[in-house]
Amino acid sequence: MEIYLVNDQHGKKIAYDFKEAEQDKTYGWVQVSKQEFFTVNKASPSEEKENSEREMLIQQYMDKFGKMPDGRLSMAKIQATLDKTDD
């Protein structure tokens, strides 16, 4: 049995038994249909914030260097590169 759940803070999850789903619901998870679960791309707010911050850093990097940063660079490394070149 698969029970599809979404949560505004945490995103999506699948519970595999009724007791698990009922417990999750007490913590704010909401049961949705399988179709809604797979068609709605709902990121958690923390994921959205991280993506937004990364996009902002990438834009700053592109404005400063005229090119995209290496895709393997972490946000911290991009920020350090930007900070280092501010001198």
PDB file of N, CA and C in Angstrom:
ATOM      1  N   MET A   1       0.837  -1.168   0.000  1.00  0.00           N
ATOM      2  CA  MET A   1       0.000   0.000   0.000  1.00  0.00           C
ATOM      3  C   MET A   1       0.891   1.243   0.000  1.00  0.00           C
ATOM      4  N   GLU A   2       0.576   2.181  -0.857  1.00  0.00           N
ATOM      5  CA  GLU A   2       1.294   3.442  -0.912  1.00  0.00           C
ATOM      6  C   GLU A   2       0.314   4.581  -0.657  1.00  0.00           C
ATOM      7  N   ILE A   3       0.675   5.443   0.296  1.00  0.00           N
ATOM      8  CA  ILE A   3      -0.162   6.598   0.627  1.00  0.00           C
ATOM      9  C   ILE A   3       0.692   7.832   0.355  1.00  0.00           C
ATOM     10  N   TYR A   4       0.195   8.689  -0.507  1.00  0.00           N
ATOM     11  CA  TYR A   4       0.957   9.852  -0.978  1.00  0.00           C
ATOM     12  C   TYR A   4       0.658  11.061  -0.106  1.00  0.00           C
ATOM     13  N   LEU A   5       1.720  11.690   0.408  1.00  0.00           N
ATOM     14  CA  LEU A   5       1.577  12.798   1.339  1.00  0.00           C
ATOM     15  C   LEU A   5       2.408  13.993   0.894  1.00  0.00           C
ATOM     16  N   VAL A   6       1.907  15.193   1.188  1.00  0.00           N
ATOM     17  CA  VAL A   6       2.667  16.424   0.926  1.00  0.00           C
ATOM     18  C   VAL A   6       2.643  17.276   2.195  1.00  0.00           C
ATOM     19  N   ASN A   7       3.658  18.124   2.317  1.00  0.00           N
ATOM     20  CA  ASN A   7       3.780  19.006   3.471  1.00  0.00           C
ATOM     21  C   ASN A   7       4.409  20.301   2.988  1.00  0.00           C
ATOM     22  N   ASP A   8       3.847  21.441   3.391  1.00  0.00           N
ATOM     23  CA  ASP A   8       4.357  22.733   2.933  1.00  0.00           C
ATOM     24  C   ASP A   8       5.803  22.969   3.345  1.00  0.00           C
ATOM     25  N   GLN A   9       6.209  22.430   4.463  1.00  0.00           N
ATOM     26  CA  GLN A   9       7.572  22.654   4.934  1.00  0.00           C
ATOM     27  C   GLN A   9       8.563  21.630   4.388  1.00  0.00           C
ATOM     28  N   HIS A  10       8.121  20.387   4.225  1.00  0.00           N
ATOM     29  CA  HIS A  10       9.052  19.309   3.896  1.00  0.00           C
ATOM     30  C   HIS A  10       8.941  18.746   2.482  1.00  0.00           C
ATOM     31  N   GLY A  11       7.904  19.084   1.746  1.00  0.00           N
ATOM     32  CA  GLY A  11       7.781  18.589   0.377  1.00  0.00           C
ATOM     33  C   GLY A  11       6.856  17.394   0.257  1.00  0.00           C
ATOM     34  N   LYS A  12       7.400  16.265  -0.252  1.00  0.00           N
ATOM     35  CA  LYS A  12       6.584  15.085  -0.533  1.00  0.00           C
ATOM     36  C   LYS A  12       7.173  13.849   0.134  1.00  0.00           C
ATOM     37  N   LYS A  13       6.305  12.880   0.386  1.00  0.00           N
ATOM     38  CA  LYS A  13       6.769  11.573   0.855  1.00  0.00           C
ATOM     39  C   LYS A  13       5.696  10.531   0.582  1.00  0.00           C
ATOM     40  N   ILE A  14       6.111   9.290   0.603  1.00  0.00           N
ATOM     41  CA  ILE A  14       5.191   8.172   0.443  1.00  0.00           C
ATOM     42  C   ILE A  14       5.239   7.355   1.730  1.00  0.00           C
ATOM     43  N   ALA A  15       4.076   7.139   2.332  1.00  0.00           N
ATOM     44  CA  ALA A  15       3.961   6.255   3.493  1.00  0.00           C
ATOM     45  C   ALA A  15       3.562   4.880   2.968  1.00  0.00           C
ATOM     46  N   TYR A  16       4.056   3.849   3.605  1.00  0.00           N
ATOM     47  CA  TYR A  16       3.799   2.500   3.103  1.00  0.00           C
ATOM     48  C   TYR A  16       2.829   1.696   3.960  1.00  0.00           C
ATOM     49  N   ASP A  17       2.308   2.305   5.018  1.00  0.00           N
ATOM     50  CA  ASP A  17       1.201   1.657   5.733  1.00  0.00           C
ATOM     51  C   ASP A  17       0.323   2.723   6.378  1.00  0.00           C
ATOM     52  N   PHE A  18      -0.869   2.313   6.734  1.00  0.00           N
ATOM     53  CA  PHE A  18      -1.881   3.233   7.240  1.00  0.00           C
ATOM     54  C   PHE A  18      -1.430   3.923   8.528  1.00  0.00           C
ATOM     55  N   LYS A  19      -0.823   3.169   9.447  1.00  0.00           N
ATOM     56  CA  LYS A  19      -0.379   3.747  10.725  1.00  0.00           C
ATOM     57  C   LYS A  19       0.661   4.842  10.495  1.00  0.00           C
ATOM     58  N   GLU A  20       1.596   4.588   9.599  1.00  0.00           N
ATOM     59  CA  GLU A  20       2.624   5.581   9.290  1.00  0.00           C
ATOM     60  C   GLU A  20       1.980   6.859   8.750  1.00  0.00           C
ATOM     61  N   ALA A  21       1.028   6.697   7.835  1.00  0.00           N
ATOM     62  CA  ALA A  21       0.359   7.854   7.237  1.00  0.00           C
ATOM     63  C   ALA A  21      -0.425   8.634   8.286  1.00  0.00           C
ATOM     64  N   GLU A  22      -1.127   7.937   9.157  1.00  0.00           N
ATOM     65  CA  GLU A  22      -1.894   8.604  10.201  1.00  0.00           C
ATOM     66  C   GLU A  22      -0.970   9.382  11.139  1.00  0.00           C
ATOM     67  N   GLN A  23       0.165   8.806  11.473  1.00  0.00           N
ATOM     68  CA  GLN A  23       1.138   9.503  12.328  1.00  0.00           C
ATOM     69  C   GLN A  23       1.670  10.748  11.612  1.00  0.00           C
ATOM     70  N   ASP A  24       1.993  10.611  10.325  1.00  0.00           N
ATOM     71  CA  ASP A  24       2.500  11.749   9.546  1.00  0.00           C
ATOM     72  C   ASP A  24       1.469  12.876   9.482  1.00  0.00           C
ATOM     73  N   LYS A  25       0.215  12.517   9.365  1.00  0.00           N
ATOM     74  CA  LYS A  25      -0.843  13.529   9.293  1.00  0.00           C
ATOM     75  C   LYS A  25      -0.899  14.366  10.568  1.00  0.00           C
ATOM     76  N   THR A  26      -0.544  13.784  11.700  1.00  0.00           N
ATOM     77  CA  THR A  26      -0.543  14.548  12.950  1.00  0.00           C
ATOM     78  C   THR A  26       0.571  15.593  12.958  1.00  0.00           C
ATOM     79  N   TYR A  27       1.539  15.448  12.063  1.00  0.00           N
ATOM     80  CA  TYR A  27       2.640  16.403  11.945  1.00  0.00           C
ATOM     81  C   TYR A  27       2.490  17.336  10.747  1.00  0.00           C
ATOM     82  N   GLY A  28       1.290  17.427  10.202  1.00  0.00           N
ATOM     83  CA  GLY A  28       1.032  18.397   9.149  1.00  0.00           C
ATOM     84  C   GLY A  28       1.074  17.867   7.731  1.00  0.00           C
ATOM     85  N   TRP A  29       1.329  16.586   7.542  1.00  0.00           N
ATOM     86  CA  TRP A  29       1.311  16.014   6.202  1.00  0.00           C
ATOM     87  C   TRP A  29      -0.138  15.861   5.749  1.00  0.00           C
ATOM     88  N   VAL A  30      -0.380  16.041   4.453  1.00  0.00           N
ATOM     89  CA  VAL A  30      -1.722  15.949   3.891  1.00  0.00           C
ATOM     90  C   VAL A  30      -1.729  14.871   2.815  1.00  0.00           C
ATOM     91  N   GLN A  31      -2.718  13.998   2.871  1.00  0.00           N
ATOM     92  CA  GLN A  31      -2.819  12.930   1.870  1.00  0.00           C
ATOM     93  C   GLN A  31      -3.367  13.495   0.567  1.00  0.00           C
ATOM     94  N   VAL A  32      -2.739  13.113  -0.548  1.00  0.00           N
ATOM     95  CA  VAL A  32      -3.184  13.528  -1.876  1.00  0.00           C
ATOM     96  C   VAL A  32      -3.267  12.300  -2.774  1.00  0.00           C
ATOM     97  N   SER A  33      -3.889  12.471  -3.916  1.00  0.00           N
ATOM     98  CA  SER A  33      -3.992  11.357  -4.867  1.00  0.00           C
ATOM     99  C   SER A  33      -2.630  11.094  -5.505  1.00  0.00           C
ATOM    100  N   LYS A  34      -2.478   9.910  -6.055  1.00  0.00           N
ATOM    101  CA  LYS A  34      -1.241   9.546  -6.740  1.00  0.00           C
ATOM    102  C   LYS A  34      -0.984  10.509  -7.896  1.00  0.00           C
ATOM    103  N   GLN A  35      -2.038  10.843  -8.639  1.00  0.00           N
ATOM    104  CA  GLN A  35      -1.892  11.749  -9.779  1.00  0.00           C
ATOM    105  C   GLN A  35      -1.408  13.121  -9.311  1.00  0.00           C
ATOM    106  N   GLU A  36      -2.009  13.664  -8.261  1.00  0.00           N
ATOM    107  CA  GLU A  36      -1.588  14.976  -7.759  1.00  0.00           C
ATOM    108  C   GLU A  36      -0.155  14.920  -7.239  1.00  0.00           C
ATOM    109  N   PHE A  37       0.189  13.840  -6.559  1.00  0.00           N
ATOM    110  CA  PHE A  37       1.527  13.677  -6.012  1.00  0.00           C
ATOM    111  C   PHE A  37       2.586  13.770  -7.104  1.00  0.00           C
ATOM    112  N   PHE A  38       2.326  13.117  -8.244  1.00  0.00           N
ATOM    113  CA  PHE A  38       3.338  13.078  -9.301  1.00  0.00           C
ATOM    114  C   PHE A  38       3.242  14.236 -10.292  1.00  0.00           C
ATOM    115  N   THR A  39       2.131  14.968 -10.321  1.00  0.00           N
ATOM    116  CA  THR A  39       2.028  16.080 -11.263  1.00  0.00           C
ATOM    117  C   THR A  39       2.375  17.416 -10.631  1.00  0.00           C
ATOM    118  N   VAL A  40       2.198  17.540  -9.327  1.00  0.00           N
ATOM    119  CA  VAL A  40       2.520  18.794  -8.650  1.00  0.00           C
ATOM    120  C   VAL A  40       3.957  18.718  -8.177  1.00  0.00           C
ATOM    121  N   ASN A  41       4.781  19.624  -8.674  1.00  0.00           N
ATOM    122  CA  ASN A  41       6.179  19.664  -8.261  1.00  0.00           C
ATOM    123  C   ASN A  41       6.300  20.665  -7.129  1.00  0.00           C
ATOM    124  N   LYS A  42       6.229  20.155  -5.931  1.00  0.00           N
ATOM    125  CA  LYS A  42       6.207  21.034  -4.762  1.00  0.00           C
ATOM    126  C   LYS A  42       7.502  20.873  -3.980  1.00  0.00           C
ATOM    127  N   ALA A  43       8.350  21.880  -4.048  1.00  0.00           N
ATOM    128  CA  ALA A  43       9.574  21.866  -3.268  1.00  0.00           C
ATOM    129  C   ALA A  43       9.264  22.438  -1.887  1.00  0.00           C
ATOM    130  N   SER A  44      10.046  22.017  -0.914  1.00  0.00           N
ATOM    131  CA  SER A  44       9.862  22.588   0.417  1.00  0.00           C
ATOM    132  C   SER A  44      10.370  24.026   0.413  1.00  0.00           C
ATOM    133  N   PRO A  45       9.884  24.849   1.332  1.00  0.00           N
ATOM    134  CA  PRO A  45      10.357  26.232   1.385  1.00  0.00           C
ATOM    135  C   PRO A  45      11.862  26.348   1.542  1.00  0.00           C
ATOM    136  N   SER A  46      12.474  25.426   2.293  1.00  0.00           N
ATOM    137  CA  SER A  46      13.928  25.500   2.451  1.00  0.00           C
ATOM    138  C   SER A  46      14.629  25.208   1.125  1.00  0.00           C
ATOM    139  N   GLU A  47      14.082  24.287   0.329  1.00  0.00           N
ATOM    140  CA  GLU A  47      14.658  24.024  -0.995  1.00  0.00           C
ATOM    141  C   GLU A  47      14.486  25.229  -1.907  1.00  0.00           C
ATOM    142  N   GLU A  48      13.306  25.850  -1.848  1.00  0.00           N
ATOM    143  CA  GLU A  48      13.058  27.031  -2.678  1.00  0.00           C
ATOM    144  C   GLU A  48      13.999  28.164  -2.297  1.00  0.00           C
ATOM    145  N   LYS A  49      14.217  28.356  -0.997  1.00  0.00           N
ATOM    146  CA  LYS A  49      15.119  29.407  -0.527  1.00  0.00           C
ATOM    147  C   LYS A  49      16.540  29.135  -0.994  1.00  0.00           C
ATOM    148  N   GLU A  50      16.989  27.881  -0.863  1.00  0.00           N
ATOM    149  CA  GLU A  50      18.340  27.534  -1.286  1.00  0.00           C
ATOM    150  C   GLU A  50      18.508  27.738  -2.796  1.00  0.00           C
ATOM    151  N   ASN A  51      17.507  27.328  -3.575  1.00  0.00           N
ATOM    152  CA  ASN A  51      17.574  27.521  -5.025  1.00  0.00           C
ATOM    153  C   ASN A  51      17.622  29.001  -5.372  1.00  0.00           C
ATOM    154  N   SER A  52      16.841  29.811  -4.675  1.00  0.00           N
ATOM    155  CA  SER A  52      16.812  31.249  -4.915  1.00  0.00           C
ATOM    156  C   SER A  52      18.166  31.882  -4.579  1.00  0.00           C
ATOM    157  N   GLU A  53      18.736  31.480  -3.451  1.00  0.00           N
ATOM    158  CA  GLU A  53      20.048  32.008  -3.054  1.00  0.00           C
ATOM    159  C   GLU A  53      21.116  31.600  -4.062  1.00  0.00           C
ATOM    160  N   ARG A  54      21.064  30.350  -4.528  1.00  0.00           N
ATOM    161  CA  ARG A  54      22.049  29.886  -5.508  1.00  0.00           C
ATOM    162  C   ARG A  54      21.909  30.672  -6.815  1.00  0.00           C
ATOM    163  N   GLU A  55      20.668  30.892  -7.261  1.00  0.00           N
ATOM    164  CA  GLU A  55      20.451  31.655  -8.493  1.00  0.00           C
ATOM    165  C   GLU A  55      20.994  33.080  -8.355  1.00  0.00           C
ATOM    166  N   MET A  56      20.821  33.687  -7.175  1.00  0.00           N
ATOM    167  CA  MET A  56      21.324  35.028  -6.937  1.00  0.00           C
ATOM    168  C   MET A  56      22.860  35.052  -6.992  1.00  0.00           C
ATOM    169  N   LEU A  57      23.495  34.066  -6.370  1.00  0.00           N
ATOM    170  CA  LEU A  57      24.956  33.991  -6.414  1.00  0.00           C
ATOM    171  C   LEU A  57      25.467  33.782  -7.836  1.00  0.00           C
ATOM    172  N   ILE A  58      24.795  32.915  -8.581  1.00  0.00           N
ATOM    173  CA  ILE A  58      25.195  32.666  -9.963  1.00  0.00           C
ATOM    174  C   ILE A  58      25.072  33.940 -10.784  1.00  0.00           C
ATOM    175  N   GLN A  59      24.006  34.701 -10.567  1.00  0.00           N
ATOM    176  CA  GLN A  59      23.831  35.956 -11.302  1.00  0.00           C
ATOM    177  C   GLN A  59      24.937  36.955 -10.952  1.00  0.00           C
ATOM    178  N   GLN A  60      25.292  37.036  -9.674  1.00  0.00           N
ATOM    179  CA  GLN A  60      26.382  37.923  -9.262  1.00  0.00           C
ATOM    180  C   GLN A  60      27.697  37.494  -9.908  1.00  0.00           C
ATOM    181  N   TYR A  61      27.928  36.191  -9.948  1.00  0.00           N
ATOM    182  CA  TYR A  61      29.143  35.655 -10.560  1.00  0.00           C
ATOM    183  C   TYR A  61      29.174  36.001 -12.051  1.00  0.00           C
ATOM    184  N   MET A  62      28.053  35.809 -12.725  1.00  0.00           N
ATOM    185  CA  MET A  62      27.985  36.104 -14.161  1.00  0.00           C
ATOM    186  C   MET A  62      28.176  37.598 -14.414  1.00  0.00           C
ATOM    187  N   ASP A  63      27.596  38.445 -13.572  1.00  0.00           N
ATOM    188  CA  ASP A  63      27.771  39.885 -13.731  1.00  0.00           C
ATOM    189  C   ASP A  63      29.235  40.280 -13.577  1.00  0.00           C
ATOM    190  N   LYS A  64      29.929  39.626 -12.655  1.00  0.00           N
ATOM    191  CA  LYS A  64      31.309  39.978 -12.363  1.00  0.00           C
ATOM    192  C   LYS A  64      32.297  39.377 -13.371  1.00  0.00           C
ATOM    193  N   PHE A  65      32.082  38.120 -13.768  1.00  0.00           N
ATOM    194  CA  PHE A  65      33.057  37.413 -14.594  1.00  0.00           C
ATOM    195  C   PHE A  65      32.600  37.170 -16.034  1.00  0.00           C
ATOM    196  N   GLY A  66      31.346  37.448 -16.329  1.00  0.00           N
ATOM    197  CA  GLY A  66      30.852  37.292 -17.686  1.00  0.00           C
ATOM    198  C   GLY A  66      30.644  35.864 -18.127  1.00  0.00           C
ATOM    199  N   LYS A  67      30.615  34.931 -17.194  1.00  0.00           N
ATOM    200  CA  LYS A  67      30.393  33.518 -17.531  1.00  0.00           C
ATOM    201  C   LYS A  67      29.782  32.808 -16.333  1.00  0.00           C
ATOM    202  N   MET A  68      29.218  31.645 -16.601  1.00  0.00           N
ATOM    203  CA  MET A  68      28.639  30.821 -15.541  1.00  0.00           C
ATOM    204  C   MET A  68      29.764  30.228 -14.694  1.00  0.00           C
ATOM    205  N   PRO A  69      29.541  30.075 -13.387  1.00  0.00           N
ATOM    206  CA  PRO A  69      30.532  29.368 -12.573  1.00  0.00           C
ATOM    207  C   PRO A  69      30.497  27.878 -12.907  1.00  0.00           C
ATOM    208  N   ASP A  70      31.590  27.201 -12.619  1.00  0.00           N
ATOM    209  CA  ASP A  70      31.646  25.754 -12.805  1.00  0.00           C
ATOM    210  C   ASP A  70      30.487  25.128 -12.037  1.00  0.00           C
ATOM    211  N   GLY A  71      29.743  24.261 -12.664  1.00  0.00           N
ATOM    212  CA  GLY A  71      28.568  23.641 -12.054  1.00  0.00           C
ATOM    213  C   GLY A  71      28.859  22.818 -10.827  1.00  0.00           C
ATOM    214  N   ARG A  72      30.119  22.452 -10.631  1.00  0.00           N
ATOM    215  CA  ARG A  72      30.489  21.642  -9.467  1.00  0.00           C
ATOM    216  C   ARG A  72      30.769  22.487  -8.231  1.00  0.00           C
ATOM    217  N   LEU A  73      30.829  23.816  -8.393  1.00  0.00           N
ATOM    218  CA  LEU A  73      31.134  24.678  -7.256  1.00  0.00           C
ATOM    219  C   LEU A  73      29.948  24.770  -6.304  1.00  0.00           C
ATOM    220  N   SER A  74      30.240  24.670  -5.029  1.00  0.00           N
ATOM    221  CA  SER A  74      29.198  24.836  -4.021  1.00  0.00           C
ATOM    222  C   SER A  74      28.873  26.321  -3.884  1.00  0.00           C
ATOM    223  N   MET A  75      27.781  26.599  -3.216  1.00  0.00           N
ATOM    224  CA  MET A  75      27.411  27.994  -2.974  1.00  0.00           C
ATOM    225  C   MET A  75      28.502  28.699  -2.174  1.00  0.00           C
ATOM    226  N   ALA A  76      29.087  27.999  -1.209  1.00  0.00           N
ATOM    227  CA  ALA A  76      30.134  28.592  -0.373  1.00  0.00           C
ATOM    228  C   ALA A  76      31.354  28.971  -1.213  1.00  0.00           C
ATOM    229  N   LYS A  77      31.722  28.119  -2.166  1.00  0.00           N
ATOM    230  CA  LYS A  77      32.892  28.419  -3.014  1.00  0.00           C
ATOM    231  C   LYS A  77      32.606  29.580  -3.955  1.00  0.00           C
ATOM    232  N   ILE A  78      31.387  29.635  -4.483  1.00  0.00           N
ATOM    233  CA  ILE A  78      31.020  30.762  -5.348  1.00  0.00           C
ATOM    234  C   ILE A  78      31.086  32.054  -4.544  1.00  0.00           C
ATOM    235  N   GLN A  79      30.523  32.022  -3.322  1.00  0.00           N
ATOM    236  CA  GLN A  79      30.539  33.223  -2.468  1.00  0.00           C
ATOM    237  C   GLN A  79      31.970  33.604  -2.116  1.00  0.00           C
ATOM    238  N   ALA A  80      32.819  32.631  -1.810  1.00  0.00           N
ATOM    239  CA  ALA A  80      34.215  32.921  -1.474  1.00  0.00           C
ATOM    240  C   ALA A  80      34.938  33.547  -2.657  1.00  0.00           C
ATOM    241  N   THR A  81      34.668  33.067  -3.858  1.00  0.00           N
ATOM    242  CA  THR A  81      35.290  33.644  -5.061  1.00  0.00           C
ATOM    243  C   THR A  81      34.840  35.086  -5.247  1.00  0.00           C
ATOM    244  N   LEU A  82      33.559  35.348  -5.057  1.00  0.00           N
ATOM    245  CA  LEU A  82      33.049  36.701  -5.169  1.00  0.00           C
ATOM    246  C   LEU A  82      33.661  37.613  -4.106  1.00  0.00           C
ATOM    247  N   ASP A  83      33.760  37.112  -2.866  1.00  0.00           N
ATOM    248  CA  ASP A  83      34.313  37.912  -1.768  1.00  0.00           C
ATOM    249  C   ASP A  83      35.792  38.198  -1.993  1.00  0.00           C
ATOM    250  N   LYS A  84      36.515  37.207  -2.485  1.00  0.00           N
ATOM    251  CA  LYS A  84      37.959  37.348  -2.690  1.00  0.00           C
ATOM    252  C   LYS A  84      38.264  38.398  -3.751  1.00  0.00           C
ATOM    253  N   THR A  85      37.427  38.493  -4.755  1.00  0.00           N
ATOM    254  CA  THR A  85      37.702  39.436  -5.847  1.00  0.00           C
ATOM    255  C   THR A  85      37.154  40.818  -5.580  1.00  0.00           C
ATOM    256  N   ASP A  86      36.479  41.012  -4.437  1.00  0.00           N
ATOM    257  CA  ASP A  86      35.971  42.331  -4.086  1.00  0.00           C
ATOM    258  C   ASP A  86      37.084  43.276  -3.643  1.00  0.00           C
ATOM    259  N   ASP A  87      38.214  42.728  -3.258  1.00  0.00           N
ATOM    260  CA  ASP A  87      39.330  43.544  -2.760  1.00  0.00           C
ATOM    261  C   ASP A  87      39.879  44.500  -3.774  1.00  0.00           C
TER     262      ASP A  87
END
